[in-house]
PDB file of N, CA and C in Angstrom:
ATOM      1  N   MET A   1       1.129 -12.569 -16.752  1.00  0.00           N
ATOM      2  CA  MET A   1       0.836 -13.023 -15.335  1.00  0.00           C
ATOM      3  C   MET A   1      -0.749 -12.296 -15.413  1.00  0.00           C
ATOM      4  N   ALA A   2      -1.307 -12.878 -15.022  1.00  0.00           N
ATOM      5  CA  ALA A   2      -3.040 -12.402 -15.164  1.00  0.00           C
ATOM      6  C   ALA A   2      -3.184 -11.775 -13.523  1.00  0.00           C
ATOM      7  N   ARG A   3      -4.010 -10.310 -13.702  1.00  0.00           N
ATOM      8  CA  ARG A   3      -4.087  -9.208 -13.037  1.00  0.00           C
ATOM      9  C   ARG A   3      -4.516  -9.510 -11.773  1.00  0.00           C
ATOM     10  N   TYR A   4      -4.556  -9.049 -10.805  1.00  0.00           N
ATOM     11  CA  TYR A   4      -4.705  -8.717  -9.282  1.00  0.00           C
ATOM     12  C   TYR A   4      -5.919  -7.572  -9.152  1.00  0.00           C
ATOM     13  N   ARG A   5      -7.242  -8.179  -8.133  1.00  0.00           N
ATOM     14  CA  ARG A   5      -8.159  -6.877  -7.999  1.00  0.00           C
ATOM     15  C   ARG A   5      -7.287  -6.073  -6.702  1.00  0.00           C
ATOM     16  N   VAL A   6      -7.643  -5.193  -7.046  1.00  0.00           N
ATOM     17  CA  VAL A   6      -7.050  -3.992  -5.881  1.00  0.00           C
ATOM     18  C   VAL A   6      -7.975  -3.215  -5.136  1.00  0.00           C
ATOM     19  N   ILE A   7      -7.965  -3.972  -3.935  1.00  0.00           N
ATOM     20  CA  ILE A   7      -9.345  -3.138  -3.079  1.00  0.00           C
ATOM     21  C   ILE A   7      -8.795  -2.082  -1.836  1.00  0.00           C
ATOM     22  N   LEU A   8      -8.982  -1.406  -2.041  1.00  0.00           N
ATOM     23  CA  LEU A   8      -8.846  -0.303  -0.915  1.00  0.00           C
ATOM     24  C   LEU A   8      -9.786  -0.430   0.652  1.00  0.00           C
ATOM     25  N   THR A   9      -9.462  -0.711   1.681  1.00  0.00           N
ATOM     26  CA  THR A   9      -9.969  -0.342   2.806  1.00  0.00           C
ATOM     27  C   THR A   9     -10.320   0.837   2.923  1.00  0.00           C
ATOM     28  N   PRO A  10     -11.484   1.215   4.092  1.00  0.00           N
ATOM     29  CA  PRO A  10     -12.003   2.695   4.055  1.00  0.00           C
ATOM     30  C   PRO A  10     -11.534   3.710   4.590  1.00  0.00           C
ATOM     31  N   ALA A  11     -10.159   3.231   5.480  1.00  0.00           N
ATOM     32  CA  ALA A  11      -9.069   3.532   6.163  1.00  0.00           C
ATOM     33  C   ALA A  11      -8.442   4.112   4.815  1.00  0.00           C
ATOM     34  N   ALA A  12      -7.845   3.602   4.137  1.00  0.00           N
ATOM     35  CA  ALA A  12      -6.855   3.414   3.076  1.00  0.00           C
ATOM     36  C   ALA A  12      -7.400   4.917   1.938  1.00  0.00           C
ATOM     37  N   GLN A  13      -8.893   4.454   1.936  1.00  0.00           N
ATOM     38  CA  GLN A  13      -9.428   5.598   0.774  1.00  0.00           C
ATOM     39  C   GLN A  13      -9.667   6.902   1.384  1.00  0.00           C
ATOM     40  N   ARG A  14      -9.943   6.767   2.854  1.00  0.00           N
ATOM     41  CA  ARG A  14      -9.925   8.002   3.371  1.00  0.00           C
ATOM     42  C   ARG A  14      -8.475   8.963   3.781  1.00  0.00           C
ATOM     43  N   GLN A  15      -7.777   8.194   3.802  1.00  0.00           N
ATOM     44  CA  GLN A  15      -6.112   8.519   3.465  1.00  0.00           C
ATOM     45  C   GLN A  15      -6.000   9.187   2.030  1.00  0.00           C
ATOM     46  N   LEU A  16      -6.652   8.258   1.377  1.00  0.00           N
ATOM     47  CA  LEU A  16      -6.223   8.871  -0.069  1.00  0.00           C
ATOM     48  C   LEU A  16      -6.616   9.964  -0.297  1.00  0.00           C
ATOM     49  N   GLY A  17      -7.985  10.344   0.249  1.00  0.00           N
ATOM     50  CA  GLY A  17      -8.867  11.024  -0.412  1.00  0.00           C
ATOM     51  C   GLY A  17      -8.159  12.509   0.050  1.00  0.00           C
ATOM     52  N   LYS A  18      -7.586  12.520   1.127  1.00  0.00           N
ATOM     53  CA  LYS A  18      -6.766  13.528   1.910  1.00  0.00           C
ATOM     54  C   LYS A  18      -5.742  14.258   1.128  1.00  0.00           C
ATOM     55  N   LEU A  19      -5.457  13.563  -0.197  1.00  0.00           N
ATOM     56  CA  LEU A  19      -3.987  13.877  -0.646  1.00  0.00           C
ATOM     57  C   LEU A  19      -4.625  14.917  -1.953  1.00  0.00           C
ATOM     58  N   ARG A  20      -3.114  15.314  -1.928  1.00  0.00           N
ATOM     59  CA  ARG A  20      -3.590  16.392  -3.356  1.00  0.00           C
ATOM     60  C   ARG A  20      -2.779  16.601  -4.366  1.00  0.00           C
ATOM     61  N   GLY A  21      -2.553  16.716  -5.403  1.00  0.00           N
ATOM     62  CA  GLY A  21      -1.441  17.099  -6.276  1.00  0.00           C
ATOM     63  C   GLY A  21      -0.320  16.171  -6.238  1.00  0.00           C
ATOM     64  N   PRO A  22       0.518  16.032  -5.964  1.00  0.00           N
ATOM     65  CA  PRO A  22       1.983  14.921  -6.753  1.00  0.00           C
ATOM     66  C   PRO A  22       1.649  13.893  -5.881  1.00  0.00           C
ATOM     67  N   GLU A  23       1.331  14.250  -4.482  1.00  0.00           N
ATOM     68  CA  GLU A  23       1.388  13.036  -3.686  1.00  0.00           C
ATOM     69  C   GLU A  23       0.130  12.192  -4.240  1.00  0.00           C
ATOM     70  N   PHE A  24      -1.009  12.654  -4.419  1.00  0.00           N
ATOM     71  CA  PHE A  24      -2.355  11.892  -4.688  1.00  0.00           C
ATOM     72  C   PHE A  24      -1.508  11.372  -6.089  1.00  0.00           C
ATOM     73  N   ALA A  25      -1.392  11.610  -7.067  1.00  0.00           N
ATOM     74  CA  ALA A  25      -0.656  10.728  -8.427  1.00  0.00           C
ATOM     75  C   ALA A  25       0.084   9.778  -8.357  1.00  0.00           C
ATOM     76  N   ALA A  26       1.409   9.968  -7.177  1.00  0.00           N
ATOM     77  CA  ALA A  26       1.761   9.139  -6.921  1.00  0.00           C
ATOM     78  C   ALA A  26       1.221   7.960  -6.554  1.00  0.00           C
ATOM     79  N   MET A  27       0.963   7.930  -5.504  1.00  0.00           N
ATOM     80  CA  MET A  27       0.235   7.100  -4.661  1.00  0.00           C
ATOM     81  C   MET A  27      -0.591   6.106  -5.575  1.00  0.00           C
ATOM     82  N   ARG A  28      -1.613   6.927  -6.296  1.00  0.00           N
ATOM     83  CA  ARG A  28      -2.259   6.413  -6.738  1.00  0.00           C
ATOM     84  C   ARG A  28      -1.901   5.358  -8.227  1.00  0.00           C
ATOM     85  N   GLY A  29      -0.557   5.873  -8.340  1.00  0.00           N
ATOM     86  CA  GLY A  29       0.282   5.302  -9.439  1.00  0.00           C
ATOM     87  C   GLY A  29       0.719   4.002  -8.819  1.00  0.00           C
ATOM     88  N   VAL A  30       1.093   3.917  -7.759  1.00  0.00           N
ATOM     89  CA  VAL A  30       1.840   3.054  -6.810  1.00  0.00           C
ATOM     90  C   VAL A  30       0.648   1.925  -6.905  1.00  0.00           C
ATOM     91  N   ILE A  31      -0.406   2.119  -5.911  1.00  0.00           N
ATOM     92  CA  ILE A  31      -1.802   1.511  -6.114  1.00  0.00           C
ATOM     93  C   ILE A  31      -2.379   0.678  -7.678  1.00  0.00           C
ATOM     94  N   LEU A  32      -2.227   1.296  -8.532  1.00  0.00           N
ATOM     95  CA  LEU A  32      -2.516   0.818  -9.836  1.00  0.00           C
ATOM     96  C   LEU A  32      -1.730  -0.131  -9.939  1.00  0.00           C
ATOM     97  N   ALA A  33      -0.803   0.514 -10.328  1.00  0.00           N
ATOM     98  CA  ALA A  33       0.538  -0.905 -10.498  1.00  0.00           C
ATOM     99  C   ALA A  33       0.326  -2.292  -9.889  1.00  0.00           C
ATOM    100  N   LEU A  34       0.072  -2.465  -8.028  1.00  0.00           N
ATOM    101  CA  LEU A  34       0.005  -3.406  -7.732  1.00  0.00           C
ATOM    102  C   LEU A  34      -0.747  -4.532  -8.446  1.00  0.00           C
ATOM    103  N   ALA A  35      -2.275  -4.208  -9.155  1.00  0.00           N
ATOM    104  CA  ALA A  35      -2.535  -4.681 -10.241  1.00  0.00           C
ATOM    105  C   ALA A  35      -1.745  -6.102 -10.922  1.00  0.00           C
ATOM    106  N   ASP A  36      -1.009  -5.270 -11.392  1.00  0.00           N
ATOM    107  CA  ASP A  36      -0.395  -6.385 -12.472  1.00  0.00           C
ATOM    108  C   ASP A  36       1.257  -6.736 -11.898  1.00  0.00           C
ATOM    109  N   ASP A  37       1.499  -5.957 -10.834  1.00  0.00           N
ATOM    110  CA  ASP A  37       3.059  -6.599  -9.956  1.00  0.00           C
ATOM    111  C   ASP A  37       2.680  -6.554  -8.354  1.00  0.00           C
ATOM    112  N   PRO A  38       1.760  -7.524  -8.068  1.00  0.00           N
ATOM    113  CA  PRO A  38       1.392  -7.212  -6.577  1.00  0.00           C
ATOM    114  C   PRO A  38       3.232  -7.574  -5.422  1.00  0.00           C
ATOM    115  N   ARG A  39       3.862  -7.784  -5.816  1.00  0.00           N
ATOM    116  CA  ARG A  39       5.623  -7.707  -5.590  1.00  0.00           C
ATOM    117  C   ARG A  39       6.328  -6.934  -6.020  1.00  0.00           C
ATOM    118  N   PRO A  40       6.034  -5.921  -6.157  1.00  0.00           N
ATOM    119  CA  PRO A  40       7.158  -4.695  -6.881  1.00  0.00           C
ATOM    120  C   PRO A  40       9.014  -4.660  -6.402  1.00  0.00           C
ATOM    121  N   ALA A  41       9.592  -4.345  -7.003  1.00  0.00           N
ATOM    122  CA  ALA A  41      10.998  -4.340  -6.594  1.00  0.00           C
ATOM    123  C   ALA A  41      10.896  -3.122  -5.572  1.00  0.00           C
ATOM    124  N   GLY A  42      11.237  -3.874  -4.614  1.00  0.00           N
ATOM    125  CA  GLY A  42      11.337  -2.295  -3.329  1.00  0.00           C
ATOM    126  C   GLY A  42      10.372  -2.953  -2.507  1.00  0.00           C
ATOM    127  N   ALA A  43       9.073  -3.719  -2.486  1.00  0.00           N
ATOM    128  CA  ALA A  43       8.178  -4.229  -1.785  1.00  0.00           C
ATOM    129  C   ALA A  43       8.953  -5.298  -0.471  1.00  0.00           C
ATOM    130  N   THR A  44       8.663  -4.636   0.767  1.00  0.00           N
ATOM    131  CA  THR A  44       8.810  -5.387   2.184  1.00  0.00           C
ATOM    132  C   THR A  44       7.938  -5.889   2.705  1.00  0.00           C
ATOM    133  N   ARG A  45       8.132  -7.206   2.906  1.00  0.00           N
ATOM    134  CA  ARG A  45       7.292  -7.886   4.012  1.00  0.00           C
ATOM    135  C   ARG A  45       7.307  -7.298   5.320  1.00  0.00           C
ATOM    136  N   LEU A  46       6.323  -6.704   5.900  1.00  0.00           N
ATOM    137  CA  LEU A  46       6.523  -5.963   7.570  1.00  0.00           C
ATOM    138  C   LEU A  46       6.707  -7.245   8.278  1.00  0.00           C
ATOM    139  N   SER A  47       7.488  -7.044   9.415  1.00  0.00           N
ATOM    140  CA  SER A  47       8.040  -8.033  10.479  1.00  0.00           C
ATOM    141  C   SER A  47       7.031  -8.880  11.111  1.00  0.00           C
ATOM    142  N   GLY A  48       6.827 -10.043  11.554  1.00  0.00           N
ATOM    143  CA  GLY A  48       5.557 -10.200  12.090  1.00  0.00           C
ATOM    144  C   GLY A  48       4.491 -10.617  11.362  1.00  0.00           C
ATOM    145  N   SER A  49       4.411 -10.715  10.478  1.00  0.00           N
ATOM    146  CA  SER A  49       3.544 -10.645   9.334  1.00  0.00           C
ATOM    147  C   SER A  49       3.808 -11.708   8.129  1.00  0.00           C
ATOM    148  N   ARG A  50       2.674 -12.635   7.535  1.00  0.00           N
ATOM    149  CA  ARG A  50       2.803 -13.376   6.771  1.00  0.00           C
ATOM    150  C   ARG A  50       2.232 -12.715   5.031  1.00  0.00           C
ATOM    151  N   ASP A  51       1.460 -11.780   5.592  1.00  0.00           N
ATOM    152  CA  ASP A  51       0.680 -11.351   4.283  1.00  0.00           C
ATOM    153  C   ASP A  51       0.620 -10.204   4.366  1.00  0.00           C
ATOM    154  N   LEU A  52       1.359  -8.813   4.805  1.00  0.00           N
ATOM    155  CA  LEU A  52       1.444  -7.810   5.348  1.00  0.00           C
ATOM    156  C   LEU A  52       2.715  -7.389   4.216  1.00  0.00           C
ATOM    157  N   PHE A  53       2.334  -6.247   3.376  1.00  0.00           N
ATOM    158  CA  PHE A  53       4.033  -5.839   2.921  1.00  0.00           C
ATOM    159  C   PHE A  53       3.579  -4.035   2.252  1.00  0.00           C
ATOM    160  N   ARG A  54       4.895  -3.577   2.656  1.00  0.00           N
ATOM    161  CA  ARG A  54       4.630  -2.319   2.122  1.00  0.00           C
ATOM    162  C   ARG A  54       5.691  -1.618   0.830  1.00  0.00           C
ATOM    163  N   VAL A  55       5.426  -0.644   0.413  1.00  0.00           N
ATOM    164  CA  VAL A  55       5.957  -0.147  -0.530  1.00  0.00           C
ATOM    165  C   VAL A  55       6.619   1.319  -0.087  1.00  0.00           C
ATOM    166  N   GLN A  56       7.777   1.886  -0.561  1.00  0.00           N
ATOM    167  CA  GLN A  56       8.342   3.362   0.159  1.00  0.00           C
ATOM    168  C   GLN A  56       7.894   3.482  -1.305  1.00  0.00           C
ATOM    169  N   VAL A  57       7.384   4.956  -0.842  1.00  0.00           N
ATOM    170  CA  VAL A  57       7.587   6.116  -2.509  1.00  0.00           C
ATOM    171  C   VAL A  57       8.095   7.364  -1.894  1.00  0.00           C
ATOM    172  N   ARG A  58       8.654   7.995  -2.004  1.00  0.00           N
ATOM    173  CA  ARG A  58       9.547   9.764  -2.376  1.00  0.00           C
ATOM    174  C   ARG A  58       8.962  10.298  -3.242  1.00  0.00           C
ATOM    175  N   VAL A  59       8.269  11.589  -2.237  1.00  0.00           N
ATOM    176  CA  VAL A  59       7.700  12.392  -3.265  1.00  0.00           C
ATOM    177  C   VAL A  59       7.707  13.988  -2.686  1.00  0.00           C
ATOM    178  N   ASP A  60       8.366  14.352  -3.320  1.00  0.00           N
ATOM    179  CA  ASP A  60       9.408  16.220  -2.947  1.00  0.00           C
ATOM    180  C   ASP A  60       9.837  15.668  -2.157  1.00  0.00           C
ATOM    181  N   GLY A  61      10.897  14.415  -1.639  1.00  0.00           N
ATOM    182  CA  GLY A  61      11.680  14.402  -0.837  1.00  0.00           C
ATOM    183  C   GLY A  61      11.206  13.907   0.346  1.00  0.00           C
ATOM    184  N   ARG A  62      10.082  14.000   0.640  1.00  0.00           N
ATOM    185  CA  ARG A  62       9.342  13.480   1.680  1.00  0.00           C
ATOM    186  C   ARG A  62       8.955  11.663   1.430  1.00  0.00           C
ATOM    187  N   PRO A  63       9.049  10.884   2.487  1.00  0.00           N
ATOM    188  CA  PRO A  63       8.395   9.442   2.382  1.00  0.00           C
ATOM    189  C   PRO A  63       7.389   9.264   2.743  1.00  0.00           C
ATOM    190  N   TRP A  64       6.761   8.480   2.035  1.00  0.00           N
ATOM    191  CA  TRP A  64       5.454   7.735   1.937  1.00  0.00           C
ATOM    192  C   TRP A  64       5.476   6.236   1.899  1.00  0.00           C
ATOM    193  N   ARG A  65       4.592   5.648   2.339  1.00  0.00           N
ATOM    194  CA  ARG A  65       4.342   4.217   2.341  1.00  0.00           C
ATOM    195  C   ARG A  65       3.090   4.030   2.003  1.00  0.00           C
ATOM    196  N   VAL A  66       2.798   2.906   1.467  1.00  0.00           N
ATOM    197  CA  VAL A  66       1.589   2.045   0.848  1.00  0.00           C
ATOM    198  C   VAL A  66       1.526   0.450   1.887  1.00  0.00           C
ATOM    199  N   VAL A  67       1.093   0.607   2.138  1.00  0.00           N
ATOM    200  CA  VAL A  67       1.292  -0.735   3.092  1.00  0.00           C
ATOM    201  C   VAL A  67      -0.349  -1.861   2.571  1.00  0.00           C
ATOM    202  N   PHE A  68       0.217  -2.980   2.465  1.00  0.00           N
ATOM    203  CA  PHE A  68      -1.040  -3.581   1.748  1.00  0.00           C
ATOM    204  C   PHE A  68      -0.827  -5.294   1.825  1.00  0.00           C
ATOM    205  N   GLN A  69      -1.874  -6.002   1.787  1.00  0.00           N
ATOM    206  CA  GLN A  69      -2.373  -7.393   2.206  1.00  0.00           C
ATOM    207  C   GLN A  69      -2.382  -8.229   0.786  1.00  0.00           C
ATOM    208  N   LEU A  70      -1.391  -9.087   0.847  1.00  0.00           N
ATOM    209  CA  LEU A  70      -1.655 -10.197  -0.673  1.00  0.00           C
ATOM    210  C   LEU A  70      -2.270 -11.197  -0.534  1.00  0.00           C
ATOM    211  N   ARG A  71      -3.262 -11.389  -1.245  1.00  0.00           N
ATOM    212  CA  ARG A  71      -4.077 -12.487  -0.973  1.00  0.00           C
ATOM    213  C   ARG A  71      -3.750 -13.302  -2.376  1.00  0.00           C
ATOM    214  N   THR A  72      -3.334 -14.397  -2.169  1.00  0.00           N
ATOM    215  CA  THR A  72      -2.344 -14.712  -3.635  1.00  0.00           C
ATOM    216  C   THR A  72      -3.607 -15.631  -4.110  1.00  0.00           C
ATOM    217  N   LYS A  73      -4.164 -16.463  -3.174  1.00  0.00           N
ATOM    218  CA  LYS A  73      -5.474 -17.476  -3.444  1.00  0.00           C
ATOM    219  C   LYS A  73      -6.521 -16.848  -4.040  1.00  0.00           C
ATOM    220  N   SER A  74      -7.031 -15.823  -3.697  1.00  0.00           N
ATOM    221  CA  SER A  74      -7.875 -15.275  -4.453  1.00  0.00           C
ATOM    222  C   SER A  74      -7.602 -14.088  -5.096  1.00  0.00           C
ATOM    223  N   ARG A  75      -6.255 -14.050  -5.523  1.00  0.00           N
ATOM    224  CA  ARG A  75      -5.536 -12.897  -6.605  1.00  0.00           C
ATOM    225  C   ARG A  75      -6.153 -11.683  -6.104  1.00  0.00           C
ATOM    226  N   GLU A  76      -6.282 -11.261  -4.953  1.00  0.00           N
ATOM    227  CA  GLU A  76      -6.449 -10.001  -4.439  1.00  0.00           C
ATOM    228  C   GLU A  76      -5.161  -9.020  -3.903  1.00  0.00           C
ATOM    229  N   VAL A  77      -5.048  -7.871  -3.903  1.00  0.00           N
ATOM    230  CA  VAL A  77      -4.094  -6.614  -3.161  1.00  0.00           C
ATOM    231  C   VAL A  77      -5.054  -5.881  -2.521  1.00  0.00           C
ATOM    232  N   VAL A  78      -5.088  -5.691  -0.671  1.00  0.00           N
ATOM    233  CA  VAL A  78      -5.483  -5.053  -0.051  1.00  0.00           C
ATOM    234  C   VAL A  78      -5.162  -4.025   0.599  1.00  0.00           C
ATOM    235  N   VAL A  79      -5.405  -2.605   0.045  1.00  0.00           N
ATOM    236  CA  VAL A  79      -4.064  -1.635   0.568  1.00  0.00           C
ATOM    237  C   VAL A  79      -5.217  -1.263   1.807  1.00  0.00           C
ATOM    238  N   THR A  80      -3.920  -1.223   3.054  1.00  0.00           N
ATOM    239  CA  THR A  80      -4.731  -1.057   4.329  1.00  0.00           C
ATOM    240  C   THR A  80      -4.571   0.424   4.600  1.00  0.00           C
ATOM    241  N   ARG A  81      -3.387   0.879   3.983  1.00  0.00           N
ATOM    242  CA  ARG A  81      -2.826   2.291   4.446  1.00  0.00           C
ATOM    243  C   ARG A  81      -2.032   3.041   3.741  1.00  0.00           C
ATOM    244  N   VAL A  82      -2.217   4.448   3.345  1.00  0.00           N
ATOM    245  CA  VAL A  82      -1.476   5.627   2.760  1.00  0.00           C
ATOM    246  C   VAL A  82      -0.857   6.352   3.423  1.00  0.00           C
ATOM    247  N   ALA A  83       0.276   6.513   3.635  1.00  0.00           N
ATOM    248  CA  ALA A  83       0.501   7.445   4.667  1.00  0.00           C
ATOM    249  C   ALA A  83       1.959   7.725   4.596  1.00  0.00           C
ATOM    250  N   ALA A  84       2.386   9.110   4.855  1.00  0.00           N
ATOM    251  CA  ALA A  84       3.434   9.862   5.368  1.00  0.00           C
ATOM    252  C   ALA A  84       4.413   9.012   6.120  1.00  0.00           C
ATOM    253  N   ARG A  85       5.344   8.571   6.143  1.00  0.00           N
ATOM    254  CA  ARG A  85       6.314   7.744   6.688  1.00  0.00           C
ATOM    255  C   ARG A  85       6.471   8.499   8.026  1.00  0.00           C
ATOM    256  N   ASN A  86       6.076   8.016   9.182  1.00  0.00           N
ATOM    257  CA  ASN A  86       6.685   8.422  10.483  1.00  0.00           C
ATOM    258  C   ASN A  86       6.046   7.539  11.933  1.00  0.00           C
ATOM    259  N   GLU A  87       6.421   7.864  12.983  1.00  0.00           N
ATOM    260  CA  GLU A  87       6.232   6.676  14.010  1.00  0.00           C
ATOM    261  C   GLU A  87       4.946   6.151  14.143  1.00  0.00           C
ATOM    262  N   ARG A  88       4.038   6.862  13.495  1.00  0.00           N
ATOM    263  CA  ARG A  88       2.673   6.538  13.520  1.00  0.00           C
ATOM    264  C   ARG A  88       2.293   5.770  12.688  1.00  0.00           C
ATOM    265  N   THR A  89       2.937   5.401  11.392  1.00  0.00           N
ATOM    266  CA  THR A  89       2.355   4.724   9.824  1.00  0.00           C
ATOM    267  C   THR A  89       2.035   3.059  10.265  1.00  0.00           C
ATOM    268  N   TYR A  90       3.054   2.717  11.037  1.00  0.00           N
ATOM    269  CA  TYR A  90       2.467   1.192  11.096  1.00  0.00           C
ATOM    270  C   TYR A  90       1.812   0.589  12.540  1.00  0.00           C
ATOM    271  N   ARG A  91       1.518   1.719  13.545  1.00  0.00           N
ATOM    272  CA  ARG A  91       0.910   1.507  14.727  1.00  0.00           C
ATOM    273  C   ARG A  91      -0.413   0.649  14.331  1.00  0.00           C
ATOM    274  N   GLY A  92      -0.477  -0.471  15.247  1.00  0.00           N
ATOM    275  CA  GLY A  92      -1.669  -0.754  15.062  1.00  0.00           C
ATOM    276  C   GLY A  92      -1.817  -2.044  13.938  1.00  0.00           C
ATOM    277  N   MET A  93      -0.630  -2.130  13.230  1.00  0.00           N
ATOM    278  CA  MET A  93      -1.106  -3.130  11.961  1.00  0.00           C
ATOM    279  C   MET A  93      -0.911  -4.718  12.657  1.00  0.00           C
ATOM    280  N   ARG A  94      -2.062  -5.269  11.762  1.00  0.00           N
ATOM    281  CA  ARG A  94      -1.743  -6.704  11.878  1.00  0.00           C
ATOM    282  C   ARG A  94      -2.459  -7.601  10.533  1.00  0.00           C
ATOM    283  N   SER A  95      -1.964  -8.942  10.580  1.00  0.00           N
ATOM    284  CA  SER A  95      -2.711  -9.956   9.527  1.00  0.00           C
ATOM    285  C   SER A  95      -4.295 -10.082   9.663  1.00  0.00           C
ATOM    286  N   GLY A  96      -4.577 -10.924   8.956  1.00  0.00           N
ATOM    287  CA  GLY A  96      -5.838 -11.149   9.135  1.00  0.00           C
ATOM    288  C   GLY A  96      -7.012  -9.577   8.360  1.00  0.00           C
ATOM    289  N   ILE A  97      -6.544  -8.737   7.972  1.00  0.00           N
ATOM    290  CA  ILE A  97      -7.629  -7.449   7.899  1.00  0.00           C
ATOM    291  C   ILE A  97      -8.613  -7.873   6.952  1.00  0.00           C
TER     292      ILE A  97
END
């Protein structure tokens, strides 16, 4: 399978830049793996959206999410959010980013 281009939005870059240690390593690994498999096992489409997905990651017992937009025609994965799972994780999410 041909690789996808992975793009991080400025917000996702800021969120990733705040992480250290095992959290950073885990999120980096998940994001890089999206280039080879943009629909990994466990990836779920966000309700109310055609092109937004999330991947769940658990690091040291704490739940994290990588939210991304899949653009199949241009073969791009746009990571929009990297966040610890809480009530604010999906606030303000929309398609067409």
